[in-house]
Protein backbone atom coordinates (compact mmCIF):
# COMPACT_ATOMS: atom_id res chain seq x y z
CA MET A 1 -27.89 -24.30 -17.84
CA THR A 2 -28.56 -22.67 -14.55
CA THR A 3 -26.03 -20.98 -12.36
CA SER A 4 -25.28 -22.32 -8.95
CA VAL A 5 -26.67 -20.46 -5.96
CA MET A 6 -23.99 -21.90 -3.72
CA PRO A 7 -21.18 -19.41 -3.06
CA LYS A 8 -17.68 -20.31 -4.11
CA PRO A 9 -15.57 -21.53 -1.21
CA GLN A 10 -12.78 -19.17 -0.25
CA LEU A 11 -9.24 -20.39 -0.54
CA ALA A 12 -7.58 -21.49 2.68
CA LEU A 13 -5.06 -19.02 4.05
CA THR A 14 -1.60 -19.84 5.26
CA VAL A 15 -0.64 -18.78 8.76
CA ALA A 16 1.48 -15.90 7.44
CA GLN A 17 -1.40 -14.63 5.26
CA ALA A 18 -3.86 -14.82 8.16
CA VAL A 19 -1.47 -12.90 10.40
CA ALA A 20 -0.90 -10.34 7.64
CA LEU A 21 -4.64 -9.74 7.24
CA THR A 22 -5.06 -9.40 11.00
CA MET A 23 -2.21 -6.90 11.14
CA LEU A 24 -3.74 -4.96 8.23
CA ARG A 25 -7.09 -4.79 10.02
CA ASP A 26 -5.38 -3.66 13.24
CA GLY A 27 -3.70 -0.71 11.52
CA TYR A 28 -0.12 -1.83 10.93
CA ARG A 29 1.69 -0.32 7.98
CA GLN A 30 2.42 -2.20 4.79
CA ARG A 31 6.19 -2.22 5.37
CA GLN A 32 5.78 -3.73 8.84
CA ILE A 33 3.38 -6.38 7.55
CA THR A 34 5.67 -7.34 4.68
CA PHE A 35 8.72 -7.45 6.96
CA ARG A 36 7.06 -9.59 9.63
CA THR A 37 5.06 -12.00 7.48
CA GLY A 38 6.75 -12.01 4.08
CA THR A 39 3.44 -11.36 2.30
CA GLU A 40 3.86 -9.28 -0.84
CA PRO A 41 1.80 -6.04 -1.00
CA ASN A 42 -0.11 -7.11 -4.12
CA ASP A 43 -1.11 -10.39 -2.48
CA LEU A 44 -1.99 -8.62 0.76
CA TYR A 45 -4.55 -6.28 -0.80
CA ARG A 46 -5.93 -8.99 -3.11
CA LEU A 47 -6.52 -11.26 -0.11
CA ALA A 48 -8.02 -8.38 1.86
CA ALA A 49 -10.52 -7.78 -0.93
CA LEU A 50 -11.39 -11.49 -1.14
CA HIS A 51 -11.97 -11.83 2.60
CA ASP A 52 -13.71 -8.45 3.13
CA ILE A 53 -11.02 -7.05 5.40
CA THR A 54 -10.29 -3.36 5.37
CA ALA A 55 -7.53 -1.26 6.88
CA PRO A 56 -8.50 1.73 9.03
CA HIS A 57 -9.79 4.66 7.00
CA GLY A 58 -7.51 7.65 6.68
CA THR A 59 -4.42 5.55 6.03
CA VAL A 60 -2.49 4.71 2.88
CA GLU A 61 -3.34 1.07 3.45
CA GLY A 62 -7.03 1.98 3.59
CA HIS A 63 -6.66 3.72 0.22
CA ASN A 64 -5.00 0.62 -1.23
CA CYS A 65 -7.84 -1.56 0.09
CA HIS A 66 -10.32 0.69 -1.75
CA GLU A 67 -8.29 0.34 -4.95
CA ALA A 68 -8.12 -3.46 -4.60
CA ARG A 69 -11.92 -3.55 -4.47
CA ASP A 70 -12.22 -1.26 -7.52
CA GLU A 71 -14.22 1.30 -5.60
CA ASP A 72 -13.77 5.03 -5.13
CA PRO A 73 -11.76 5.76 -1.98
CA CYS A 74 -13.29 7.85 0.77
CA THR A 75 -12.01 11.40 1.25
CA THR A 76 -9.92 10.60 4.33
CA CYS A 77 -8.14 7.73 2.53
CA THR A 78 -7.51 9.93 -0.51
CA ARG A 79 -5.90 12.60 1.65
CA ALA A 80 -3.68 10.05 3.37
CA HIS A 81 -2.55 8.65 0.03
CA GLY A 82 -1.75 12.17 -1.21
CA ARG A 83 0.29 12.92 1.91
CA ALA A 84 2.26 9.69 1.55
CA HIS A 85 2.93 10.38 -2.13
CA ALA A 86 4.13 13.91 -1.34
CA ARG A 87 6.38 12.62 1.47
CA GLU A 88 7.92 10.00 -0.84
CA TYR A 89 8.52 12.63 -3.53
CA ALA A 90 10.14 15.00 -1.03
CA GLN A 91 12.48 12.28 0.27
CA ARG A 92 13.50 11.37 -3.25
CA ARG A 93 14.10 15.03 -4.06
CA ARG A 94 16.36 15.45 -1.03
CA THR A 95 18.40 12.33 -1.67
CA VAL A 96 19.30 13.25 -5.27
CA GLY A 97 21.01 16.40 -4.05
CA ALA A 98 22.88 14.42 -1.42
CA LEU A 99 24.50 12.16 -4.03
CA PRO A 100 28.16 12.68 -4.86
CA ARG A 101 28.65 14.87 -7.91
CA ALA A 102 29.90 11.94 -10.02
CA LEU A 103 26.66 9.99 -9.44
CA ARG A 104 24.22 12.83 -10.08
CA PRO A 105 22.14 12.71 -13.26
CA ARG A 106 23.49 14.91 -16.02
CA GLY A 107 21.74 17.06 -18.54
CA ARG A 108 19.41 18.96 -16.25
CA LYS A 109 19.85 21.23 -13.31
CA ILE A 110 18.98 19.68 -9.96
CA ARG A 111 16.92 21.74 -7.58
CA ARG A 112 17.93 21.60 -4.00
CA ALA A 113 15.39 21.27 -1.24
CA VAL A 114 14.94 24.40 0.85
CA ARG A 115 15.19 23.66 4.53
């Protein structure tokens, strides 16, 4: 048997998916895209990889586009992803200390963020 030289046709996009991919290409953040179009993040990056659409480099979304394509991210995208991860960790660290004492986790001492 021989393999076909004809490329596989791409799946048709819904209006919301097309708008989400356009917003991703234009530099909107994942939260804004999900809020406005209802497209889940996993679907967004999978569709972006299928349709060869990338987010701007140096953003967290650009890093996620690299990961969806199974390629090594560029240095600017890696730095952006590291900054976002550090910011998320810092926000989580601050909010645990702000919890009422009854809701705080027990068994370990909680460090407070230095401001």
